[in-house]
Amino acid sequence: LLNLCSKNKINPLIGSAGVSAVPMAARVSNKVGLESDAQNFLLMHAMGPNVAGVIGSAIAAGVMLKYVLAM
């Protein structure tokens, strides 16, 4: 959806790295990108969403613990 609305295209492999499986999800995205294009180095670009997934998981766990312990 974002690629339809913006001038600069975003590689969809970056979205697959947004899970909190550090660093394996970023490595898989990089490997798939390299299979498609040998000049496509995505590892450092994929680590950003990867770390964001970890932070999001930690925040979600904290919110869930707050409500569970309040019961």
PDB file of N, CA and C in Angstrom:
ATOM      1  N   LEU A   1       0.834  -1.193   0.000  1.00  0.00           N
ATOM      2  CA  LEU A   1       0.000   0.000   0.000  1.00  0.00           C
ATOM      3  C   LEU A   1       0.879   1.257   0.000  1.00  0.00           C
ATOM      4  N   LEU A   2       1.961   1.219   0.773  1.00  0.00           N
ATOM      5  CA  LEU A   2       2.847   2.382   0.829  1.00  0.00           C
ATOM      6  C   LEU A   2       3.540   2.620  -0.502  1.00  0.00           C
ATOM      7  N   ASN A   3       3.857   1.552  -1.231  1.00  0.00           N
ATOM      8  CA  ASN A   3       4.498   1.719  -2.536  1.00  0.00           C
ATOM      9  C   ASN A   3       3.570   2.381  -3.547  1.00  0.00           C
ATOM     10  N   LEU A   4       2.274   2.224  -3.396  1.00  0.00           N
ATOM     11  CA  LEU A   4       1.327   2.865  -4.305  1.00  0.00           C
ATOM     12  C   LEU A   4       1.224   4.367  -4.048  1.00  0.00           C
ATOM     13  N   CYS A   5       1.439   4.786  -2.806  1.00  0.00           N
ATOM     14  CA  CYS A   5       1.236   6.182  -2.425  1.00  0.00           C
ATOM     15  C   CYS A   5       2.500   7.029  -2.427  1.00  0.00           C
ATOM     16  N   SER A   6       3.669   6.424  -2.504  1.00  0.00           N
ATOM     17  CA  SER A   6       4.898   7.206  -2.384  1.00  0.00           C
ATOM     18  C   SER A   6       5.717   7.181  -3.669  1.00  0.00           C
ATOM     19  N   LYS A   7       6.582   8.174  -3.806  1.00  0.00           N
ATOM     20  CA  LYS A   7       7.477   8.228  -4.964  1.00  0.00           C
ATOM     21  C   LYS A   7       8.590   7.196  -4.836  1.00  0.00           C
ATOM     22  N   ASN A   8       9.186   7.117  -3.650  1.00  0.00           N
ATOM     23  CA  ASN A   8      10.287   6.182  -3.411  1.00  0.00           C
ATOM     24  C   ASN A   8       9.724   4.822  -3.027  1.00  0.00           C
ATOM     25  N   LYS A   9      10.122   3.811  -3.746  1.00  0.00           N
ATOM     26  CA  LYS A   9       9.632   2.462  -3.478  1.00  0.00           C
ATOM     27  C   LYS A   9      10.363   1.863  -2.283  1.00  0.00           C
ATOM     28  N   ILE A  10       9.665   1.048  -1.517  1.00  0.00           N
ATOM     29  CA  ILE A  10      10.215   0.380  -0.348  1.00  0.00           C
ATOM     30  C   ILE A  10      10.248  -1.113  -0.628  1.00  0.00           C
ATOM     31  N   ASN A  11      11.372  -1.735  -0.344  1.00  0.00           N
ATOM     32  CA  ASN A  11      11.518  -3.165  -0.558  1.00  0.00           C
ATOM     33  C   ASN A  11      10.617  -3.909   0.429  1.00  0.00           C
ATOM     34  N   PRO A  12       9.708  -4.768  -0.038  1.00  0.00           N
ATOM     35  CA  PRO A  12       8.800  -5.466   0.875  1.00  0.00           C
ATOM     36  C   PRO A  12       9.509  -6.446   1.806  1.00  0.00           C
ATOM     37  N   LEU A  13      10.739  -6.807   1.498  1.00  0.00           N
ATOM     38  CA  LEU A  13      11.479  -7.690   2.401  1.00  0.00           C
ATOM     39  C   LEU A  13      11.775  -7.022   3.737  1.00  0.00           C
ATOM     40  N   ILE A  14      11.809  -5.704   3.764  1.00  0.00           N
ATOM     41  CA  ILE A  14      12.073  -4.998   5.015  1.00  0.00           C
ATOM     42  C   ILE A  14      10.940  -5.248   6.009  1.00  0.00           C
ATOM     43  N   GLY A  15       9.725  -5.355   5.535  1.00  0.00           N
ATOM     44  CA  GLY A  15       8.595  -5.631   6.421  1.00  0.00           C
ATOM     45  C   GLY A  15       8.660  -6.997   7.058  1.00  0.00           C
ATOM     46  N   SER A  16       9.219  -7.964   6.345  1.00  0.00           N
ATOM     47  CA  SER A  16       9.314  -9.307   6.914  1.00  0.00           C
ATOM     48  C   SER A  16      10.332  -9.373   8.038  1.00  0.00           C
ATOM     49  N   ALA A  17      11.185  -8.389   8.148  1.00  0.00           N
ATOM     50  CA  ALA A  17      12.177  -8.361   9.221  1.00  0.00           C
ATOM     51  C   ALA A  17      11.623  -7.731  10.489  1.00  0.00           C
ATOM     52  N   GLY A  18      10.383  -7.302  10.481  1.00  0.00           N
ATOM     53  CA  GLY A  18       9.800  -6.604  11.620  1.00  0.00           C
ATOM     54  C   GLY A  18       9.336  -7.486  12.752  1.00  0.00           C
ATOM     55  N   VAL A  19       9.718  -8.731  12.757  1.00  0.00           N
ATOM     56  CA  VAL A  19       9.393  -9.604  13.885  1.00  0.00           C
ATOM     57  C   VAL A  19      10.568  -9.595  14.845  1.00  0.00           C
ATOM     58  N   SER A  20      10.339 -10.032  16.072  1.00  0.00           N
ATOM     59  CA  SER A  20      11.387  -9.896  17.083  1.00  0.00           C
ATOM     60  C   SER A  20      12.308 -11.107  17.157  1.00  0.00           C
ATOM     61  N   ALA A  21      12.542 -11.773  16.058  1.00  0.00           N
ATOM     62  CA  ALA A  21      13.496 -12.882  16.021  1.00  0.00           C
ATOM     63  C   ALA A  21      14.856 -12.336  15.588  1.00  0.00           C
ATOM     64  N   VAL A  22      15.562 -11.738  16.549  1.00  0.00           N
ATOM     65  CA  VAL A  22      16.842 -11.076  16.248  1.00  0.00           C
ATOM     66  C   VAL A  22      17.943 -12.112  16.245  1.00  0.00           C
ATOM     67  N   PRO A  23      18.874 -12.110  15.349  1.00  0.00           N
ATOM     68  CA  PRO A  23      18.953 -11.390  14.084  1.00  0.00           C
ATOM     69  C   PRO A  23      18.494 -12.237  12.910  1.00  0.00           C
ATOM     70  N   MET A  24      17.838 -13.362  13.186  1.00  0.00           N
ATOM     71  CA  MET A  24      17.541 -14.322  12.122  1.00  0.00           C
ATOM     72  C   MET A  24      16.596 -13.748  11.067  1.00  0.00           C
ATOM     73  N   ALA A  25      15.579 -13.001  11.462  1.00  0.00           N
ATOM     74  CA  ALA A  25      14.636 -12.453  10.484  1.00  0.00           C
ATOM     75  C   ALA A  25      15.337 -11.488   9.529  1.00  0.00           C
ATOM     76  N   ALA A  26      16.257 -10.691  10.050  1.00  0.00           N
ATOM     77  CA  ALA A  26      17.009  -9.767   9.192  1.00  0.00           C
ATOM     78  C   ALA A  26      17.933 -10.531   8.253  1.00  0.00           C
ATOM     79  N   ARG A  27      18.535 -11.594   8.755  1.00  0.00           N
ATOM     80  CA  ARG A  27      19.424 -12.397   7.903  1.00  0.00           C
ATOM     81  C   ARG A  27      18.653 -13.071   6.781  1.00  0.00           C
ATOM     82  N   VAL A  28      17.457 -13.571   7.087  1.00  0.00           N
ATOM     83  CA  VAL A  28      16.638 -14.215   6.054  1.00  0.00           C
ATOM     84  C   VAL A  28      16.242 -13.197   4.997  1.00  0.00           C
ATOM     85  N   SER A  29      15.841 -12.005   5.412  1.00  0.00           N
ATOM     86  CA  SER A  29      15.495 -10.954   4.448  1.00  0.00           C
ATOM     87  C   SER A  29      16.688 -10.609   3.570  1.00  0.00           C
ATOM     88  N   ASN A  30      17.866 -10.523   4.174  1.00  0.00           N
ATOM     89  CA  ASN A  30      19.076 -10.225   3.410  1.00  0.00           C
ATOM     90  C   ASN A  30      19.384 -11.342   2.426  1.00  0.00           C
ATOM     91  N   LYS A  31      19.254 -12.590   2.861  1.00  0.00           N
ATOM     92  CA  LYS A  31      19.568 -13.726   1.990  1.00  0.00           C
ATOM     93  C   LYS A  31      18.621 -13.784   0.794  1.00  0.00           C
ATOM     94  N   VAL A  32      17.330 -13.577   1.037  1.00  0.00           N
ATOM     95  CA  VAL A  32      16.356 -13.594  -0.058  1.00  0.00           C
ATOM     96  C   VAL A  32      16.626 -12.440  -1.019  1.00  0.00           C
ATOM     97  N   GLY A  33      16.973 -11.276  -0.493  1.00  0.00           N
ATOM     98  CA  GLY A  33      17.306 -10.137  -1.344  1.00  0.00           C
ATOM     99  C   GLY A  33      18.543 -10.386  -2.186  1.00  0.00           C
ATOM    100  N   LEU A  34      19.548 -11.046  -1.611  1.00  0.00           N
ATOM    101  CA  LEU A  34      20.767 -11.358  -2.365  1.00  0.00           C
ATOM    102  C   LEU A  34      20.514 -12.392  -3.445  1.00  0.00           C
ATOM    103  N   GLU A  35      19.578 -13.316  -3.206  1.00  0.00           N
ATOM    104  CA  GLU A  35      19.235 -14.297  -4.242  1.00  0.00           C
ATOM    105  C   GLU A  35      18.603 -13.612  -5.448  1.00  0.00           C
ATOM    106  N   SER A  36      17.826 -12.572  -5.188  1.00  0.00           N
ATOM    107  CA  SER A  36      17.163 -11.847  -6.267  1.00  0.00           C
ATOM    108  C   SER A  36      18.130 -10.932  -7.017  1.00  0.00           C
ATOM    109  N   ASP A  37      18.991 -10.243  -6.266  1.00  0.00           N
ATOM    110  CA  ASP A  37      19.941  -9.292  -6.851  1.00  0.00           C
ATOM    111  C   ASP A  37      21.207  -9.313  -6.002  1.00  0.00           C
ATOM    112  N   ALA A  38      22.321  -9.683  -6.595  1.00  0.00           N
ATOM    113  CA  ALA A  38      23.575  -9.827  -5.845  1.00  0.00           C
ATOM    114  C   ALA A  38      24.087  -8.502  -5.283  1.00  0.00           C
ATOM    115  N   GLN A  39      23.608  -7.375  -5.778  1.00  0.00           N
ATOM    116  CA  GLN A  39      24.024  -6.061  -5.282  1.00  0.00           C
ATOM    117  C   GLN A  39      23.070  -5.511  -4.220  1.00  0.00           C
ATOM    118  N   ASN A  40      22.122  -6.315  -3.788  1.00  0.00           N
ATOM    119  CA  ASN A  40      21.070  -5.894  -2.871  1.00  0.00           C
ATOM    120  C   ASN A  40      21.468  -6.232  -1.437  1.00  0.00           C
ATOM    121  N   PHE A  41      22.105  -5.294  -0.733  1.00  0.00           N
ATOM    122  CA  PHE A  41      22.545  -5.536   0.640  1.00  0.00           C
ATOM    123  C   PHE A  41      21.522  -4.936   1.601  1.00  0.00           C
ATOM    124  N   LEU A  42      20.736  -5.782   2.228  1.00  0.00           N
ATOM    125  CA  LEU A  42      19.625  -5.334   3.060  1.00  0.00           C
ATOM    126  C   LEU A  42      19.846  -5.531   4.552  1.00  0.00           C
ATOM    127  N   LEU A  43      20.955  -6.128   4.955  1.00  0.00           N
ATOM    128  CA  LEU A  43      21.087  -6.542   6.350  1.00  0.00           C
ATOM    129  C   LEU A  43      20.941  -5.374   7.320  1.00  0.00           C
ATOM    130  N   MET A  44      21.665  -4.299   7.110  1.00  0.00           N
ATOM    131  CA  MET A  44      21.577  -3.174   8.046  1.00  0.00           C
ATOM    132  C   MET A  44      20.224  -2.466   7.948  1.00  0.00           C
ATOM    133  N   HIS A  45      19.627  -2.453   6.760  1.00  0.00           N
ATOM    134  CA  HIS A  45      18.303  -1.844   6.610  1.00  0.00           C
ATOM    135  C   HIS A  45      17.238  -2.710   7.267  1.00  0.00           C
ATOM    136  N   ALA A  46      17.453  -4.019   7.288  1.00  0.00           N
ATOM    137  CA  ALA A  46      16.487  -4.928   7.897  1.00  0.00           C
ATOM    138  C   ALA A  46      16.617  -4.969   9.413  1.00  0.00           C
ATOM    139  N   MET A  47      17.765  -4.597   9.956  1.00  0.00           N
ATOM    140  CA  MET A  47      17.941  -4.623  11.409  1.00  0.00           C
ATOM    141  C   MET A  47      17.108  -3.548  12.107  1.00  0.00           C
ATOM    142  N   GLY A  48      16.810  -2.442  11.428  1.00  0.00           N
ATOM    143  CA  GLY A  48      15.985  -1.387  12.028  1.00  0.00           C
ATOM    144  C   GLY A  48      14.596  -1.883  12.392  1.00  0.00           C
ATOM    145  N   PRO A  49      13.834  -2.430  11.429  1.00  0.00           N
ATOM    146  CA  PRO A  49      12.526  -2.975  11.781  1.00  0.00           C
ATOM    147  C   PRO A  49      12.627  -4.165  12.728  1.00  0.00           C
ATOM    148  N   ASN A  50      13.737  -4.896  12.657  1.00  0.00           N
ATOM    149  CA  ASN A  50      13.940  -6.039  13.532  1.00  0.00           C
ATOM    150  C   ASN A  50      14.025  -5.586  14.988  1.00  0.00           C
ATOM    151  N   VAL A  51      14.808  -4.565  15.259  1.00  0.00           N
ATOM    152  CA  VAL A  51      14.933  -4.037  16.618  1.00  0.00           C
ATOM    153  C   VAL A  51      13.630  -3.361  17.043  1.00  0.00           C
ATOM    154  N   ALA A  52      12.948  -2.717  16.110  1.00  0.00           N
ATOM    155  CA  ALA A  52      11.652  -2.112  16.434  1.00  0.00           C
ATOM    156  C   ALA A  52      10.646  -3.181  16.847  1.00  0.00           C
ATOM    157  N   GLY A  53      10.722  -4.359  16.230  1.00  0.00           N
ATOM    158  CA  GLY A  53       9.860  -5.468  16.634  1.00  0.00           C
ATOM    159  C   GLY A  53      10.149  -5.926  18.048  1.00  0.00           C
ATOM    160  N   VAL A  54      11.416  -5.927  18.433  1.00  0.00           N
ATOM    161  CA  VAL A  54      11.792  -6.292  19.803  1.00  0.00           C
ATOM    162  C   VAL A  54      11.247  -5.265  20.792  1.00  0.00           C
ATOM    163  N   ILE A  55      11.401  -4.002  20.473  1.00  0.00           N
ATOM    164  CA  ILE A  55      10.907  -2.942  21.363  1.00  0.00           C
ATOM    165  C   ILE A  55       9.386  -3.018  21.481  1.00  0.00           C
ATOM    166  N   GLY A  56       8.707  -3.236  20.357  1.00  0.00           N
ATOM    167  CA  GLY A  56       7.249  -3.370  20.386  1.00  0.00           C
ATOM    168  C   GLY A  56       6.796  -4.563  21.202  1.00  0.00           C
ATOM    169  N   SER A  57       7.514  -5.669  21.104  1.00  0.00           N
ATOM    170  CA  SER A  57       7.179  -6.856  21.897  1.00  0.00           C
ATOM    171  C   SER A  57       7.359  -6.587  23.385  1.00  0.00           C
ATOM    172  N   ALA A  58       8.421  -5.880  23.745  1.00  0.00           N
ATOM    173  CA  ALA A  58       8.661  -5.561  25.153  1.00  0.00           C
ATOM    174  C   ALA A  58       7.578  -4.640  25.701  1.00  0.00           C
ATOM    175  N   ILE A  59       7.156  -3.670  24.911  1.00  0.00           N
ATOM    176  CA  ILE A  59       6.091  -2.764  25.351  1.00  0.00           C
ATOM    177  C   ILE A  59       4.779  -3.522  25.503  1.00  0.00           C
ATOM    178  N   ALA A  60       4.465  -4.383  24.531  1.00  0.00           N
ATOM    179  CA  ALA A  60       3.228  -5.167  24.613  1.00  0.00           C
ATOM    180  C   ALA A  60       3.248  -6.091  25.825  1.00  0.00           C
ATOM    181  N   ALA A  61       4.396  -6.694  26.111  1.00  0.00           N
ATOM    182  CA  ALA A  61       4.501  -7.568  27.284  1.00  0.00           C
ATOM    183  C   ALA A  61       4.308  -6.774  28.568  1.00  0.00           C
ATOM    184  N   GLY A  62       4.867  -5.574  28.633  1.00  0.00           N
ATOM    185  CA  GLY A  62       4.689  -4.735  29.811  1.00  0.00           C
ATOM    186  C   GLY A  62       3.241  -4.341  30.030  1.00  0.00           C
ATOM    187  N   VAL A  63       2.546  -3.993  28.960  1.00  0.00           N
ATOM    188  CA  VAL A  63       1.126  -3.631  29.071  1.00  0.00           C
ATOM    189  C   VAL A  63       0.305  -4.836  29.514  1.00  0.00           C
ATOM    190  N   MET A  64       0.597  -5.995  28.939  1.00  0.00           N
ATOM    191  CA  MET A  64      -0.140  -7.204  29.331  1.00  0.00           C
ATOM    192  C   MET A  64       0.119  -7.554  30.791  1.00  0.00           C
ATOM    193  N   LEU A  65       1.360  -7.447  31.241  1.00  0.00           N
ATOM    194  CA  LEU A  65       1.671  -7.727  32.645  1.00  0.00           C
ATOM    195  C   LEU A  65       0.953  -6.762  33.577  1.00  0.00           C
ATOM    196  N   LYS A  66       0.855  -5.518  33.174  1.00  0.00           N
ATOM    197  CA  LYS A  66       0.167  -4.526  34.001  1.00  0.00           C
ATOM    198  C   LYS A  66      -1.277  -4.939  34.237  1.00  0.00           C
ATOM    199  N   TYR A  67      -1.961  -5.363  33.170  1.00  0.00           N
ATOM    200  CA  TYR A  67      -3.364  -5.723  33.310  1.00  0.00           C
ATOM    201  C   TYR A  67      -3.552  -7.070  33.988  1.00  0.00           C
ATOM    202  N   VAL A  68      -2.647  -8.001  33.786  1.00  0.00           N
ATOM    203  CA  VAL A  68      -2.762  -9.307  34.443  1.00  0.00           C
ATOM    204  C   VAL A  68      -2.512  -9.169  35.939  1.00  0.00           C
ATOM    205  N   LEU A  69      -1.512  -8.392  36.316  1.00  0.00           N
ATOM    206  CA  LEU A  69      -1.207  -8.224  37.735  1.00  0.00           C
ATOM    207  C   LEU A  69      -2.247  -7.368  38.451  1.00  0.00           C
ATOM    208  N   ALA A  70      -3.006  -6.571  37.718  1.00  0.00           N
ATOM    209  CA  ALA A  70      -4.041  -5.735  38.319  1.00  0.00           C
ATOM    210  C   ALA A  70      -5.308  -6.525  38.626  1.00  0.00           C
ATOM    211  N   MET A  71      -5.403  -7.749  38.128  1.00  0.00           N
ATOM    212  CA  MET A  71      -6.616  -8.555  38.358  1.00  0.00           C
ATOM    213  C   MET A  71      -6.687  -9.072  39.768  1.00  0.00           C
TER     214      MET A  71
END
